[in-house]
């Protein structure tokens, strides 16, 4: 079994970042920021929403055509013909087999044609915006480890650029979220930056091991795994840089829960020098760890 195994019986549930907090008393306004929700949604949800909206619009107009019975060559009582006539009208196809013959039907066709033109323009713009949004494909290790570096205990995790390009002037920022109680008995959640041995990379192309030395200056100094869990310490990592392909700023982030921080472990080496002078990176072993003493 891997050292990174999770899901032990009785363990606390691992909430996603979105579900971690409960917004009590805040009214839900799902339509207040549709554009942002569209860009933030996964592709399967976004395309699913387009399909549902497209089907719903055609169903509404099909009901109207079926009700007025003003479309020529539609089989009597056939809702399917009314629906497919709506599809042809919305897409401005016009095969010529079915056509509106009454004034009411022509008015409905006019409204649907306008709906189709506006809808096509909006969906095209939304799809382009979603395609054109620059994103980073940065791979973070599933766990962080507490091991020794230059004779001192240190918190380490690693990251890699999954694309075969470079992120120029990459900056890595690591923050710890700690729970503190003031002298007045007030509980606070504080974000404290963790200093790194190397915080910048002129060219982030392959892998990067982030190292935070756990000395007297560190807010995590002397904390054991049990104390990290008791205080609910979380570590957040954010990398920011300029993608040389898009010439735009990209970012990626990762959070580590207390149970994701393994003590006495070390990442396995994934870089091997090949006989021809090249270097091989073993991505299947990217998340693997071993005992520090091994």
Protein backbone atom coordinates (compact mmCIF):
# COMPACT_ATOMS: atom_id res chain seq x y z
CA UNK A 1 0.00 0.00 0.00
CA UNK A 2 1.29 3.46 -0.86
CA UNK A 3 2.38 5.88 1.85
CA UNK A 4 -0.08 8.35 0.40
CA UNK A 5 -3.14 6.19 1.07
CA UNK A 6 -6.23 7.88 2.51
CA UNK A 7 -9.78 6.98 3.50
CA UNK A 8 -9.14 5.15 6.77
CA UNK A 9 -12.25 4.05 8.69
CA UNK A 10 -13.47 6.73 11.05
CA UNK A 11 -11.44 9.48 9.37
CA UNK A 12 -13.01 12.90 9.01
CA UNK A 13 -14.60 13.55 5.60
CA UNK A 14 -12.44 15.44 3.11
CA UNK A 15 -14.54 18.36 1.93
CA UNK A 16 -13.81 20.03 -1.35
CA UNK A 17 -12.63 23.62 -1.25
CA UNK A 18 -16.07 24.85 -2.31
CA UNK A 19 -17.95 22.79 0.28
CA UNK A 20 -15.67 23.49 3.22
CA UNK A 21 -17.68 26.50 4.39
CA UNK A 22 -21.39 26.92 5.01
CA UNK A 23 -22.66 30.41 4.15
CA UNK A 24 -25.36 30.92 6.76
CA UNK A 25 -27.80 33.73 6.08
CA UNK A 26 -26.37 34.64 2.68
CA UNK A 27 -29.13 34.61 0.05
CA UNK A 28 -28.43 32.45 -2.97
CA UNK A 29 -28.42 34.40 -6.25
CA UNK A 30 -27.56 31.86 -8.95
CA UNK A 31 -28.29 34.33 -11.76
CA UNK A 32 -26.39 37.28 -10.30
CA UNK A 33 -23.06 36.31 -11.90
CA UNK A 34 -23.84 33.94 -14.74
CA UNK A 35 -20.76 34.86 -16.79
CA UNK A 36 -18.35 34.14 -13.93
CA UNK A 37 -20.17 30.89 -13.14
CA UNK A 38 -19.89 29.86 -16.81
CA UNK A 39 -16.14 30.49 -16.95
CA UNK A 40 -15.60 28.71 -13.62
CA UNK A 41 -17.74 25.67 -14.46
CA UNK A 42 -16.14 22.47 -15.79
CA UNK A 43 -16.58 21.83 -19.50
CA UNK A 44 -19.07 18.99 -19.02
CA UNK A 45 -21.33 21.26 -16.94
CA UNK A 46 -20.98 24.20 -19.35
CA UNK A 47 -21.79 22.14 -22.45
CA UNK A 48 -24.57 20.40 -20.56
CA UNK A 49 -26.11 23.79 -19.75
CA UNK A 50 -25.97 24.76 -23.43
CA UNK A 51 -27.71 21.52 -24.42
CA UNK A 52 -30.43 21.93 -21.78
CA UNK A 53 -31.07 25.56 -22.74
CA UNK A 54 -31.14 24.70 -26.45
CA UNK A 55 -33.62 21.87 -25.85
CA UNK A 56 -35.79 24.03 -23.59
CA UNK A 57 -36.05 26.85 -26.14
CA UNK A 58 -37.04 24.43 -28.88
CA UNK A 59 -39.61 22.79 -26.62
CA UNK A 60 -41.22 26.16 -25.83
CA UNK A 61 -41.53 27.14 -29.48
CA UNK A 62 -42.65 23.62 -30.43
CA UNK A 63 -45.53 23.92 -27.97
CA UNK A 64 -46.53 27.24 -29.59
CA UNK A 65 -46.40 25.81 -33.11
CA UNK A 66 -48.34 22.76 -32.00
CA UNK A 67 -50.97 24.96 -30.36
CA UNK A 68 -51.62 27.33 -33.30
CA UNK A 69 -51.47 24.58 -35.99
CA UNK A 70 -50.15 27.15 -38.46
CA UNK A 71 -47.28 25.24 -40.05
CA UNK A 72 -47.71 23.69 -43.48
CA UNK A 73 -46.92 19.99 -44.11
CA UNK A 74 -46.87 19.14 -40.40
CA UNK A 75 -48.56 15.83 -39.77
CA UNK A 76 -51.78 16.30 -37.78
CA UNK A 77 -51.19 15.85 -34.06
CA UNK A 78 -47.42 15.38 -34.51
CA UNK A 79 -45.52 17.21 -31.77
CA UNK A 80 -42.26 15.82 -33.18
CA UNK A 81 -42.81 17.71 -36.45
CA UNK A 82 -43.46 20.91 -34.50
CA UNK A 83 -40.29 20.37 -32.49
CA UNK A 84 -38.09 19.73 -35.53
CA UNK A 85 -39.61 22.74 -37.32
CA UNK A 86 -38.54 24.77 -34.30
CA UNK A 87 -35.02 23.33 -34.59
CA UNK A 88 -34.85 24.31 -38.27
CA UNK A 89 -36.13 27.81 -37.55
CA UNK A 90 -33.85 28.43 -34.57
CA UNK A 91 -30.81 27.40 -36.63
CA UNK A 92 -32.10 29.25 -39.75
CA UNK A 93 -31.82 26.04 -41.78
CA UNK A 94 -35.09 26.19 -43.71
CA UNK A 95 -35.37 22.95 -45.69
CA UNK A 96 -38.53 24.20 -47.37
CA UNK A 97 -40.69 21.18 -46.50
CA UNK A 98 -42.42 22.83 -43.55
CA UNK A 99 -43.35 26.50 -43.56
CA UNK A 100 -45.60 28.86 -41.56
CA UNK A 101 -48.90 29.61 -43.26
CA UNK A 102 -50.75 31.74 -40.71
CA UNK A 103 -50.03 35.20 -39.36
CA UNK A 104 -49.64 33.88 -35.82
CA UNK A 105 -47.19 31.22 -36.94
CA UNK A 106 -45.15 33.80 -38.87
CA UNK A 107 -44.98 36.02 -35.79
CA UNK A 108 -43.72 33.09 -33.71
CA UNK A 109 -41.15 32.30 -36.42
CA UNK A 110 -39.95 35.92 -36.33
CA UNK A 111 -39.41 35.79 -32.58
CA UNK A 112 -37.66 32.43 -32.79
CA UNK A 113 -35.38 33.61 -35.61
CA UNK A 114 -34.36 36.59 -33.49
CA UNK A 115 -33.83 34.28 -30.51
CA UNK A 116 -31.66 32.03 -32.64
CA UNK A 117 -29.43 34.87 -33.89
CA UNK A 118 -28.96 36.37 -30.44
CA UNK A 119 -28.46 32.95 -28.85
CA UNK A 120 -25.87 31.89 -31.45
CA UNK A 121 -23.89 35.09 -30.91
CA UNK A 122 -23.97 34.70 -27.12
CA UNK A 123 -22.99 31.01 -27.12
CA UNK A 124 -20.18 31.70 -29.60
CA UNK A 125 -18.83 34.46 -27.35
CA UNK A 126 -19.11 32.33 -24.22
CA UNK A 127 -17.38 29.35 -25.82
CA UNK A 128 -14.59 31.58 -27.15
CA UNK A 129 -14.10 33.18 -23.73
CA UNK A 130 -13.88 29.76 -22.10
CA UNK A 131 -11.46 28.43 -24.73
CA UNK A 132 -9.29 31.57 -24.68
CA UNK A 133 -8.90 31.80 -20.92
CA UNK A 134 -5.25 31.05 -20.10
CA UNK A 135 -4.73 28.29 -17.57
CA UNK A 136 -1.71 26.68 -16.01
CA UNK A 137 -1.21 22.93 -15.82
CA UNK A 138 0.91 22.70 -12.71
CA UNK A 139 1.12 19.33 -10.98
CA UNK A 140 1.47 19.47 -7.19
CA UNK A 141 2.47 16.46 -5.12
CA UNK A 142 -0.48 14.88 -3.35
CA UNK A 143 1.31 15.17 0.00
CA UNK A 144 3.90 17.31 1.71
CA UNK A 145 6.66 15.79 3.82
CA UNK A 146 8.64 16.82 6.88
CA UNK A 147 12.21 15.70 6.36
CA UNK A 148 15.74 17.04 6.82
CA UNK A 149 17.43 19.48 4.45
CA UNK A 150 21.03 20.55 5.10
CA UNK A 151 20.73 19.00 8.55
CA UNK A 152 17.59 20.95 9.49
CA UNK A 153 13.98 19.73 9.56
CA UNK A 154 11.98 21.18 6.70
CA UNK A 155 8.54 21.07 5.14
CA UNK A 156 8.71 20.05 1.50
CA UNK A 157 6.40 19.45 -1.43
CA UNK A 158 7.08 19.45 -5.13
CA UNK A 159 5.46 20.74 -8.26
CA UNK A 160 5.97 20.32 -11.99
CA UNK A 161 4.92 22.02 -15.20
CA UNK A 162 2.78 19.46 -17.07
CA UNK A 163 3.02 21.39 -20.32
CA UNK A 164 6.13 21.19 -22.47
CA UNK A 165 6.68 24.90 -22.34
CA UNK A 166 8.00 27.34 -19.75
CA UNK A 167 6.46 29.57 -17.13
CA UNK A 168 8.71 32.62 -17.01
CA UNK A 169 9.46 34.43 -13.74
CA UNK A 170 7.44 31.95 -11.72
CA UNK A 171 6.81 32.97 -8.11
CA UNK A 172 5.82 30.53 -5.39
CA UNK A 173 4.08 31.69 -2.24
CA UNK A 174 3.29 29.36 0.66
CA UNK A 175 0.96 30.34 3.50
CA UNK A 176 -0.04 28.52 6.67
CA UNK A 177 -3.50 28.93 8.12
CA UNK A 178 -3.29 28.72 11.92
CA UNK A 179 -5.83 28.88 14.72
CA UNK A 180 -4.92 31.19 17.59
CA UNK A 181 -6.71 32.29 20.74
CA UNK A 182 -6.07 35.86 21.93
CA UNK A 183 -5.71 36.91 25.56
CA UNK A 184 -9.36 37.98 25.42
CA UNK A 185 -10.39 34.45 24.46
CA UNK A 186 -11.19 35.32 20.86
CA UNK A 187 -10.44 32.58 18.32
CA UNK A 188 -8.71 33.82 15.17
CA UNK A 189 -7.68 32.15 11.95
CA UNK A 190 -4.41 33.73 10.85
CA UNK A 191 -2.60 33.44 7.55
CA UNK A 192 1.17 33.52 7.95
CA UNK A 193 3.59 33.42 5.03
CA UNK A 194 6.17 30.64 5.13
CA UNK A 195 9.61 31.59 3.89
CA UNK A 196 11.13 29.31 1.26
CA UNK A 197 14.68 28.42 0.37
CA UNK A 198 13.81 29.45 -3.20
CA UNK A 199 10.69 31.50 -3.92
CA UNK A 200 11.31 32.38 -7.59
CA UNK A 201 12.26 30.49 -10.70
CA UNK A 202 13.41 32.40 -13.77
CA UNK A 203 12.23 29.54 -16.00
CA UNK A 204 9.85 26.95 -14.55
CA UNK A 205 10.00 24.14 -17.10
CA UNK A 206 10.38 20.82 -15.26
CA UNK A 207 10.12 20.22 -11.52
CA UNK A 208 10.48 22.37 -8.42
CA UNK A 209 10.87 21.26 -4.79
CA UNK A 210 9.53 23.83 -2.36
CA UNK A 211 11.44 23.83 0.96
CA UNK A 212 10.46 25.65 4.14
CA UNK A 213 12.97 25.27 6.96
CA UNK A 214 11.28 24.51 10.30
CA UNK A 215 13.60 26.60 12.48
CA UNK A 216 12.81 28.98 15.33
CA UNK A 217 11.54 31.60 12.87
CA UNK A 218 8.92 29.26 11.44
CA UNK A 219 5.33 29.41 12.80
CA UNK A 220 5.29 25.60 12.48
CA UNK A 221 8.44 25.09 14.52
CA UNK A 222 8.18 22.19 16.97
CA UNK A 223 4.68 21.11 15.93
CA UNK A 224 4.08 17.39 15.67
CA UNK A 225 1.60 15.68 13.34
CA UNK A 226 -0.92 15.45 16.20
CA UNK A 227 -0.54 19.15 16.99
CA UNK A 228 -1.01 20.09 13.35
CA UNK A 229 -4.27 18.12 13.29
CA UNK A 230 -5.39 19.51 16.65
CA UNK A 231 -4.89 23.11 15.50
CA UNK A 232 -6.32 22.43 12.05
CA UNK A 233 -3.24 23.78 10.30
CA UNK A 234 -3.57 24.02 6.53
CA UNK A 235 -0.84 24.95 4.08
CA UNK A 236 -1.69 26.81 0.88
CA UNK A 237 0.67 27.05 -2.10
CA UNK A 238 0.22 29.44 -5.03
CA UNK A 239 2.42 29.66 -8.11
CA UNK A 240 2.16 32.67 -10.43
CA UNK A 241 4.04 33.35 -13.65
CA UNK A 242 4.00 34.31 -17.32
CA UNK A 243 3.16 31.56 -19.79
CA UNK A 244 5.55 31.95 -22.71
CA UNK A 245 3.03 30.50 -25.18
CA UNK A 246 0.11 32.79 -24.34
CA UNK A 247 2.24 35.70 -23.07
CA UNK A 248 -0.32 35.97 -20.26
CA UNK A 249 -0.19 35.50 -16.51
CA UNK A 250 -1.24 32.07 -15.27
CA UNK A 251 -1.57 30.68 -11.78
CA UNK A 252 -2.23 27.44 -9.93
CA UNK A 253 -2.77 26.59 -6.29
CA UNK A 254 -2.89 23.67 -3.91
CA UNK A 255 -3.84 23.18 -0.28
CA UNK A 256 -2.51 20.58 2.15
CA UNK A 257 -4.58 19.36 5.08
CA UNK A 258 -2.89 18.20 8.32
CA UNK A 259 -3.29 14.57 7.22
CA UNK A 260 -1.51 15.40 3.97
CA UNK A 261 1.71 16.31 5.81
CA UNK A 262 3.78 13.18 6.39
CA UNK A 263 6.55 13.15 8.99
CA UNK A 264 9.74 11.15 8.54
CA UNK A 265 9.20 10.72 4.80
CA UNK A 266 11.15 11.85 1.75
CA UNK A 267 10.15 12.10 -1.91
CA UNK A 268 11.68 9.50 -4.18
CA UNK A 269 14.05 10.78 -6.83
CA UNK A 270 12.34 11.08 -10.21
CA UNK A 271 15.18 12.52 -12.33
CA UNK A 272 17.65 10.12 -13.95
CA UNK A 273 20.64 10.96 -16.14
CA UNK A 274 20.48 8.94 -19.36
CA UNK A 275 23.60 7.64 -21.15
CA UNK A 276 23.04 10.03 -24.08
CA UNK A 277 23.22 13.06 -21.79
CA UNK A 278 19.49 13.69 -21.52
CA UNK A 279 17.50 13.66 -18.29
CA UNK A 280 14.47 11.46 -17.74
CA UNK A 281 11.63 12.55 -15.45
CA UNK A 282 9.58 9.72 -13.97
CA UNK A 283 6.13 11.29 -13.64
CA UNK A 284 4.38 8.07 -12.53
CA UNK A 285 6.52 8.25 -9.35
CA UNK A 286 5.94 11.96 -8.85
CA UNK A 287 3.81 11.51 -5.72
CA UNK A 288 5.71 8.58 -4.22
CA UNK A 289 7.54 8.89 -0.88
CA UNK A 290 9.86 6.66 1.13
CA UNK A 291 11.07 6.53 4.70
CA UNK A 292 13.65 9.21 5.41
CA UNK A 293 16.11 6.70 6.81
CA UNK A 294 15.79 4.37 3.82
